[in-house]
C-alpha atoms as a PDB file:
ATOM      1  CA  MET A   1     -32.807 -50.885  14.268  1.00  0.00           C
ATOM      2  CA  ASN A   2     -31.979 -48.855  17.350  1.00  0.00           C
ATOM      3  CA  SER A   3     -28.257 -49.165  16.525  1.00  0.00           C
ATOM      4  CA  ILE A   4     -28.857 -47.802  13.023  1.00  0.00           C
ATOM      5  CA  LEU A   5     -30.808 -44.827  14.375  1.00  0.00           C
ATOM      6  CA  LEU A   6     -28.085 -44.109  16.944  1.00  0.00           C
ATOM      7  CA  PHE A   7     -25.379 -44.237  14.242  1.00  0.00           C
ATOM      8  CA  ALA A   8     -27.389 -41.880  12.015  1.00  0.00           C
ATOM      9  CA  GLY A   9     -27.856 -39.508  14.948  1.00  0.00           C
ATOM     10  CA  LEU A  10     -24.092 -39.341  15.510  1.00  0.00           C
ATOM     11  CA  LEU A  11     -23.379 -38.714  11.830  1.00  0.00           C
ATOM     12  CA  GLY A  12     -25.880 -35.881  11.571  1.00  0.00           C
ATOM     13  CA  PRO A  13     -23.910 -33.208  13.513  1.00  0.00           C
ATOM     14  CA  LEU A  14     -20.661 -34.286  11.823  1.00  0.00           C
ATOM     15  CA  ALA A  15     -22.186 -33.898   8.377  1.00  0.00           C
ATOM     16  CA  THR A  16     -23.566 -30.492   9.316  1.00  0.00           C
ATOM     17  CA  HIS A  17     -20.162 -29.385  10.626  1.00  0.00           C
ATOM     18  CA  GLY A  18     -18.444 -30.532   7.448  1.00  0.00           C
ATOM     19  CA  THR A  19     -20.872 -28.570   5.294  1.00  0.00           C
ATOM     20  CA  ALA A  20     -20.378 -25.397   7.343  1.00  0.00           C
ATOM     21  CA  THR A  21     -16.592 -25.435   7.155  1.00  0.00           C
ATOM     22  CA  SER A  22     -16.660 -25.871   3.371  1.00  0.00           C
ATOM     23  CA  ASP A  23     -18.937 -22.841   2.972  1.00  0.00           C
ATOM     24  CA  PRO A  24     -16.901 -20.022   1.354  1.00  0.00           C
ATOM     25  CA  THR A  25     -18.624 -17.420   3.566  1.00  0.00           C
ATOM     26  CA  VAL A  26     -17.239 -18.745   6.867  1.00  0.00           C
ATOM     27  CA  LYS A  27     -14.044 -17.572   8.579  1.00  0.00           C
ATOM     28  CA  ARG A  28     -10.954 -18.262   6.528  1.00  0.00           C
ATOM     29  CA  PHE A  29      -7.345 -17.094   6.254  1.00  0.00           C
ATOM     30  CA  SER A  30      -5.489 -16.629   2.949  1.00  0.00           C
ATOM     31  CA  PHE A  31      -2.126 -15.213   1.972  1.00  0.00           C
ATOM     32  CA  GLY A  32      -0.119 -14.531  -1.159  1.00  0.00           C
ATOM     33  CA  LEU A  33       2.264 -12.326  -3.103  1.00  0.00           C
ATOM     34  CA  GLU A  34       1.668  -8.928  -4.671  1.00  0.00           C
ATOM     35  CA  GLY A  35       3.452  -6.664  -7.126  1.00  0.00           C
ATOM     36  CA  GLY A  36       2.639  -3.723  -9.334  1.00  0.00           C
ATOM     37  CA  LEU A  37       3.318  -0.225 -10.613  1.00  0.00           C
ATOM     38  CA  ASN A  38       3.335   3.091  -8.747  1.00  0.00           C
ATOM     39  CA  TYR A  39       2.463   6.399 -10.379  1.00  0.00           C
ATOM     40  CA  CYS A  40       3.932   8.951  -7.960  1.00  0.00           C
ATOM     41  CA  ASN A  41       3.936  12.673  -7.270  1.00  0.00           C
ATOM     42  CA  LEU A  42       3.758  15.101  -4.347  1.00  0.00           C
ATOM     43  CA  GLN A  43       0.787  17.005  -3.000  1.00  0.00           C
ATOM     44  CA  GLY A  44       1.024  20.056  -0.816  1.00  0.00           C
ATOM     45  CA  SER A  45      -0.079  23.564   0.092  1.00  0.00           C
ATOM     46  CA  GLY A  46       3.216  25.419  -0.106  1.00  0.00           C
ATOM     47  CA  ASN A  47       4.815  27.341  -2.952  1.00  0.00           C
ATOM     48  CA  ARG A  48       2.816  26.319  -6.022  1.00  0.00           C
ATOM     49  CA  THR A  49       5.609  27.363  -8.371  1.00  0.00           C
ATOM     50  CA  PHE A  50       7.975  24.993  -6.640  1.00  0.00           C
ATOM     51  CA  LEU A  51       5.345  22.241  -6.551  1.00  0.00           C
ATOM     52  CA  GLY A  52       4.811  22.735 -10.275  1.00  0.00           C
ATOM     53  CA  ALA A  53       8.496  21.949 -10.834  1.00  0.00           C
ATOM     54  CA  PHE A  54       7.742  18.275 -10.129  1.00  0.00           C
ATOM     55  CA  ASN A  55       6.742  15.718 -12.753  1.00  0.00           C
ATOM     56  CA  SER A  56       5.115  12.393 -11.884  1.00  0.00           C
ATOM     57  CA  VAL A  57       7.237   9.259 -12.170  1.00  0.00           C
ATOM     58  CA  SER A  58       6.468   5.544 -12.502  1.00  0.00           C
ATOM     59  CA  THR A  59       8.063   3.139 -10.028  1.00  0.00           C
ATOM     60  CA  PHE A  60       7.109  -0.208  -8.434  1.00  0.00           C
ATOM     61  CA  GLN A  61       5.955  -1.991  -5.283  1.00  0.00           C
ATOM     62  CA  VAL A  62       6.290  -5.658  -4.229  1.00  0.00           C
ATOM     63  CA  GLY A  63       5.349  -7.580  -1.112  1.00  0.00           C
ATOM     64  CA  SER A  64       3.149 -10.178   0.533  1.00  0.00           C
ATOM     65  CA  TYR A  65      -0.261 -10.045   2.200  1.00  0.00           C
ATOM     66  CA  GLY A  66      -2.504 -11.961   4.586  1.00  0.00           C
ATOM     67  CA  CYS A  67      -6.302 -11.780   4.610  1.00  0.00           C
ATOM     68  CA  TYR A  68      -8.763 -13.016   7.259  1.00  0.00           C
ATOM     69  CA  ARG A  69     -12.449 -13.301   6.417  1.00  0.00           C
ATOM     70  CA  PHE A  70     -14.231 -12.744   9.727  1.00  0.00           C
ATOM     71  CA  ALA A  71     -17.849 -12.539   8.491  1.00  0.00           C
ATOM     72  CA  PRO A  72     -19.829 -13.138   5.284  1.00  0.00           C
ATOM     73  CA  GLY A  73     -18.830 -10.367   2.890  1.00  0.00           C
ATOM     74  CA  PHE A  74     -16.154  -8.812   5.151  1.00  0.00           C
ATOM     75  CA  ALA A  75     -12.452  -9.345   5.756  1.00  0.00           C
ATOM     76  CA  VAL A  76      -9.380  -7.630   7.181  1.00  0.00           C
ATOM     77  CA  GLN A  77      -6.104  -7.617   5.262  1.00  0.00           C
ATOM     78  CA  THR A  78      -2.571  -6.620   6.152  1.00  0.00           C
ATOM     79  CA  GLY A  79       0.779  -7.028   4.467  1.00  0.00           C
ATOM     80  CA  LEU A  80       4.363  -5.860   4.181  1.00  0.00           C
ATOM     81  CA  TYR A  81       5.420  -4.038   1.014  1.00  0.00           C
ATOM     82  CA  TYR A  82       8.568  -2.499  -0.409  1.00  0.00           C
ATOM     83  CA  SER A  83       7.313   0.590  -2.218  1.00  0.00           C
ATOM     84  CA  ARG A  84       9.342   3.124  -4.190  1.00  0.00           C
ATOM     85  CA  LYS A  85       7.954   6.658  -4.429  1.00  0.00           C
ATOM     86  CA  GLY A  86       9.364   9.902  -5.776  1.00  0.00           C
ATOM     87  CA  VAL A  87       9.255  12.731  -8.307  1.00  0.00           C
ATOM     88  CA  GLU A  88      11.135  14.128 -11.278  1.00  0.00           C
ATOM     89  CA  ASN A  89      12.543  17.614 -10.720  1.00  0.00           C
ATOM     90  CA  GLN A  90      12.234  19.411 -14.020  1.00  0.00           C
ATOM     91  CA  ASP A  91      13.701  22.726 -12.835  1.00  0.00           C
ATOM     92  CA  PHE A  92      16.463  21.618 -10.437  1.00  0.00           C
ATOM     93  CA  GLN A  93      18.867  19.119 -11.978  1.00  0.00           C
ATOM     94  CA  THR A  94      22.373  17.981 -11.190  1.00  0.00           C
ATOM     95  CA  PRO A  95      24.814  15.632 -12.961  1.00  0.00           C
ATOM     96  CA  ALA A  96      23.458  12.896 -10.646  1.00  0.00           C
ATOM     97  CA  GLY A  97      20.126  13.082 -12.496  1.00  0.00           C
ATOM     98  CA  PRO A  98      16.718  14.754 -12.146  1.00  0.00           C
ATOM     99  CA  ASP A  99      14.813  12.068 -10.208  1.00  0.00           C
ATOM    100  CA  THR A 100      14.362  11.874  -6.435  1.00  0.00           C
ATOM    101  CA  ARG A 101      13.388   8.454  -5.041  1.00  0.00           C
ATOM    102  CA  PHE A 102      12.055   7.445  -1.628  1.00  0.00           C
ATOM    103  CA  ASP A 103      12.058   3.752  -0.650  1.00  0.00           C
ATOM    104  CA  TYR A 104       9.575   2.660   2.030  1.00  0.00           C
ATOM    105  CA  LEU A 105       8.599  -0.446   3.942  1.00  0.00           C
ATOM    106  CA  THR A 106       4.816  -0.156   4.258  1.00  0.00           C
ATOM    107  CA  LEU A 107       2.379  -1.921   6.602  1.00  0.00           C
ATOM    108  CA  PRO A 108      -1.351  -1.299   5.916  1.00  0.00           C
ATOM    109  CA  VAL A 109      -4.406  -2.582   7.819  1.00  0.00           C
ATOM    110  CA  LEU A 110      -7.386  -2.670   5.460  1.00  0.00           C
ATOM    111  CA  LEU A 111     -11.063  -3.399   6.022  1.00  0.00           C
ATOM    112  CA  MET A 112     -12.444  -5.185   2.952  1.00  0.00           C
ATOM    113  CA  ALA A 113     -16.064  -5.494   1.805  1.00  0.00           C
ATOM    114  CA  MET A 114     -17.277  -7.902  -0.888  1.00  0.00           C
ATOM    115  CA  PRO A 115     -20.519  -6.402  -2.257  1.00  0.00           C
ATOM    116  CA  ILE A 116     -20.706  -8.879  -5.138  1.00  0.00           C
ATOM    117  CA  GLU A 117     -18.896 -12.062  -6.060  1.00  0.00           C
ATOM    118  CA  ARG A 118     -15.322 -11.561  -7.314  1.00  0.00           C
ATOM    119  CA  LEU A 119     -15.173  -7.894  -6.242  1.00  0.00           C
ATOM    120  CA  ASN A 120     -13.441  -6.420  -3.168  1.00  0.00           C
ATOM    121  CA  VAL A 121     -13.477  -2.778  -2.093  1.00  0.00           C
ATOM    122  CA  TYR A 122     -11.339  -1.652   0.834  1.00  0.00           C
ATOM    123  CA  ALA A 123      -9.840   1.194   2.842  1.00  0.00           C
ATOM    124  CA  GLY A 124      -7.693   1.620   5.927  1.00  0.00           C
ATOM    125  CA  PRO A 125      -4.650   3.219   7.573  1.00  0.00           C
ATOM    126  CA  GLN A 126      -1.005   2.479   6.902  1.00  0.00           C
ATOM    127  CA  VAL A 127       2.389   3.206   8.423  1.00  0.00           C
ATOM    128  CA  ALA A 128       5.607   3.383   6.412  1.00  0.00           C
ATOM    129  CA  VAL A 129       9.297   3.575   7.268  1.00  0.00           C
ATOM    130  CA  LEU A 130      11.702   5.372   4.939  1.00  0.00           C
ATOM    131  CA  VAL A 131      14.631   3.012   4.316  1.00  0.00           C
ATOM    132  CA  GLY A 132      16.390   4.783   1.452  1.00  0.00           C
ATOM    133  CA  ALA A 133      16.479   7.960  -0.645  1.00  0.00           C
ATOM    134  CA  ARG A 134      18.302   8.980  -3.811  1.00  0.00           C
ATOM    135  CA  ASN A 135      18.805  12.016  -6.012  1.00  0.00           C
ATOM    136  CA  GLY A 136      19.419  10.481  -9.426  1.00  0.00           C
ATOM    137  CA  SER A 137      22.308   8.054  -8.968  1.00  0.00           C
ATOM    138  CA  GLN A 138      23.398   9.625  -5.664  1.00  0.00           C
ATOM    139  CA  SER A 139      22.328   7.952  -2.397  1.00  0.00           C
ATOM    140  CA  LEU A 140      21.289  10.314   0.392  1.00  0.00           C
ATOM    141  CA  GLU A 141      22.217   9.944   4.056  1.00  0.00           C
ATOM    142  CA  LEU A 142      18.839   9.657   5.767  1.00  0.00           C
ATOM    143  CA  GLN A 143      19.995  11.139   9.069  1.00  0.00           C
ATOM    144  CA  GLN A 144      21.217  14.275   7.295  1.00  0.00           C
ATOM    145  CA  SER A 145      18.652  14.564   4.519  1.00  0.00           C
ATOM    146  CA  GLY A 146      15.890  15.918   6.746  1.00  0.00           C
ATOM    147  CA  TYR A 147      13.256  13.621   5.276  1.00  0.00           C
ATOM    148  CA  ARG A 148      10.721  12.166   7.691  1.00  0.00           C
ATOM    149  CA  ARG A 149      11.602   8.570   8.562  1.00  0.00           C
ATOM    150  CA  LEU A 150       8.153   7.447   9.796  1.00  0.00           C
ATOM    151  CA  ASP A 151       5.105   8.203   7.660  1.00  0.00           C
ATOM    152  CA  VAL A 152       1.392   7.704   8.341  1.00  0.00           C
ATOM    153  CA  GLY A 153      -1.290   7.592   5.683  1.00  0.00           C
ATOM    154  CA  ALA A 154      -4.196   5.688   4.186  1.00  0.00           C
ATOM    155  CA  MET A 155      -5.030   3.350   1.310  1.00  0.00           C
ATOM    156  CA  ALA A 156      -8.308   2.846  -0.548  1.00  0.00           C
ATOM    157  CA  GLY A 157      -9.075   0.827  -3.657  1.00  0.00           C
ATOM    158  CA  ALA A 158     -10.834  -2.052  -5.356  1.00  0.00           C
ATOM    159  CA  GLU A 159      -9.868  -5.378  -6.938  1.00  0.00           C
ATOM    160  CA  VAL A 160     -11.483  -8.064  -9.083  1.00  0.00           C
ATOM    161  CA  ARG A 161     -10.773 -11.777  -8.983  1.00  0.00           C
ATOM    162  CA  LEU A 162      -9.356 -13.475 -12.082  1.00  0.00           C
ATOM    163  CA  GLY A 163      -8.869 -17.172 -11.269  1.00  0.00           C
ATOM    164  CA  PRO A 164      -6.160 -17.473  -8.575  1.00  0.00           C
ATOM    165  CA  THR A 165      -5.210 -13.797  -8.956  1.00  0.00           C
ATOM    166  CA  TRP A 166      -6.691 -10.413  -8.090  1.00  0.00           C
ATOM    167  CA  LEU A 167      -6.250  -7.375 -10.350  1.00  0.00           C
ATOM    168  CA  GLY A 168      -6.600  -4.099  -8.482  1.00  0.00           C
ATOM    169  CA  ALA A 169      -6.009  -0.363  -8.261  1.00  0.00           C
ATOM    170  CA  ARG A 170      -5.740   1.902  -5.239  1.00  0.00           C
ATOM    171  CA  CYS A 171      -4.760   5.321  -3.951  1.00  0.00           C
ATOM    172  CA  ASP A 172      -1.914   5.619  -1.428  1.00  0.00           C
ATOM    173  CA  LEU A 173      -1.845   8.963   0.414  1.00  0.00           C
ATOM    174  CA  SER A 174       0.491  10.285   3.111  1.00  0.00           C
ATOM    175  CA  PHE A 175      -0.859  12.429   5.958  1.00  0.00           C
ATOM    176  CA  LEU A 176       2.495  13.775   7.166  1.00  0.00           C
ATOM    177  CA  ALA A 177       4.832  16.228   5.468  1.00  0.00           C
ATOM    178  CA  LEU A 178       7.808  14.660   3.767  1.00  0.00           C
ATOM    179  CA  ASN A 179      10.049  17.169   5.540  1.00  0.00           C
ATOM    180  CA  PRO A 180       9.140  18.187   9.127  1.00  0.00           C
ATOM    181  CA  THR A 181       9.026  21.932   9.796  1.00  0.00           C
ATOM    182  CA  GLY A 182      12.437  23.378  10.499  1.00  0.00           C
ATOM    183  CA  THR A 183      14.552  20.608   8.987  1.00  0.00           C
ATOM    184  CA  ALA A 184      17.236  21.502   6.498  1.00  0.00           C
ATOM    185  CA  VAL A 185      15.872  19.537   3.571  1.00  0.00           C
ATOM    186  CA  THR A 186      17.587  20.060   0.238  1.00  0.00           C
ATOM    187  CA  GLN A 187      16.387  19.252  -3.263  1.00  0.00           C
ATOM    188  CA  ASN A 188      19.294  18.705  -5.653  1.00  0.00           C
ATOM    189  CA  GLY A 189      21.446  20.966  -3.508  1.00  0.00           C
ATOM    190  CA  GLN A 190      18.818  23.710  -3.151  1.00  0.00           C
ATOM    191  CA  PRO A 191      17.296  24.273   0.342  1.00  0.00           C
ATOM    192  CA  ILE A 192      13.548  23.706   0.124  1.00  0.00           C
ATOM    193  CA  GLN A 193      12.979  26.356   2.794  1.00  0.00           C
ATOM    194  CA  VAL A 194      14.548  28.907   0.443  1.00  0.00           C
ATOM    195  CA  LEU A 195      12.597  27.755  -2.596  1.00  0.00           C
ATOM    196  CA  ALA A 196       9.337  27.220  -0.721  1.00  0.00           C
ATOM    197  CA  PRO A 197       9.516  28.475   2.878  1.00  0.00           C
ATOM    198  CA  SER A 198       5.899  27.426   3.687  1.00  0.00           C
ATOM    199  CA  ASN A 199       6.110  24.030   2.055  1.00  0.00           C
ATOM    200  CA  SER A 200       4.122  21.036   3.253  1.00  0.00           C
ATOM    201  CA  TYR A 201       4.587  18.263   0.712  1.00  0.00           C
ATOM    202  CA  ARG A 202       3.293  14.711   1.054  1.00  0.00           C
ATOM    203  CA  ASN A 203       3.575  11.615  -1.088  1.00  0.00           C
ATOM    204  CA  GLN A 204       0.626  10.657  -3.259  1.00  0.00           C
ATOM    205  CA  VAL A 205       0.614   7.460  -5.306  1.00  0.00           C
ATOM    206  CA  LEU A 206      -1.759   5.636  -7.638  1.00  0.00           C
ATOM    207  CA  GLN A 207      -1.051   1.913  -7.717  1.00  0.00           C
ATOM    208  CA  ALA A 208      -2.029  -0.836 -10.147  1.00  0.00           C
ATOM    209  CA  TYR A 209      -1.191  -4.328  -8.930  1.00  0.00           C
ATOM    210  CA  LEU A 210      -1.646  -8.079  -9.292  1.00  0.00           C
ATOM    211  CA  LYS A 211      -2.120 -10.366  -6.276  1.00  0.00           C
ATOM    212  CA  LEU A 212      -1.399 -14.087  -6.463  1.00  0.00           C
ATOM    213  CA  CYS A 213      -3.195 -16.083  -3.771  1.00  0.00           C
ATOM    214  CA  LEU A 214      -1.094 -19.018  -2.505  1.00  0.00           C
ATOM    215  CA  THR A 215      -3.952 -20.645  -0.586  1.00  0.00           C
ATOM    216  CA  ARG A 216      -7.089 -22.303  -1.846  1.00  0.00           C
ATOM    217  CA  GLN A 217      -9.785 -19.795  -2.841  1.00  0.00           C
END
């Protein structure tokens, strides 16, 4: 009898530990793939006539993410994304085409809250590195273009869980001017400082995306 009681006493803590680790509210790491659409334009406080010469364009973003749930209802997520941003220049066109594209590698750090089951809301800072730029079909030399290579901004959005996937939408805003003051930035061959000498334009993007979780939910 004593042996049975001793055996039961040893199993008790193990059973409790097994229950706790299977609880979906405990600490857990997940990762997966993400892709979606970007709806891009510029925001700024410079020459409004020049700013009005831009039309929004639709592009894309793809990447991967990792998420760590550190407390019930809260998590932190980061990732690495290839994101294309840009505008259409309706007033300044060349044979190369009217669109200007900016390709970034983006690294966000997002604090996520889960107010109800299957819903995440989040916000946090991001850094991005400009890795390519084009005017229409013409590639631009980044060192000579005058565009800022390192950008800092923020993301905020929400997503809902649909089986192994998450469907979401978010806002991606830059804090720094696309062209630092004093640089000789050109737009389709026209110096921006001539067209808008007090310009301060930043990327702004609305994103719709689908995340596929590759770990057990």
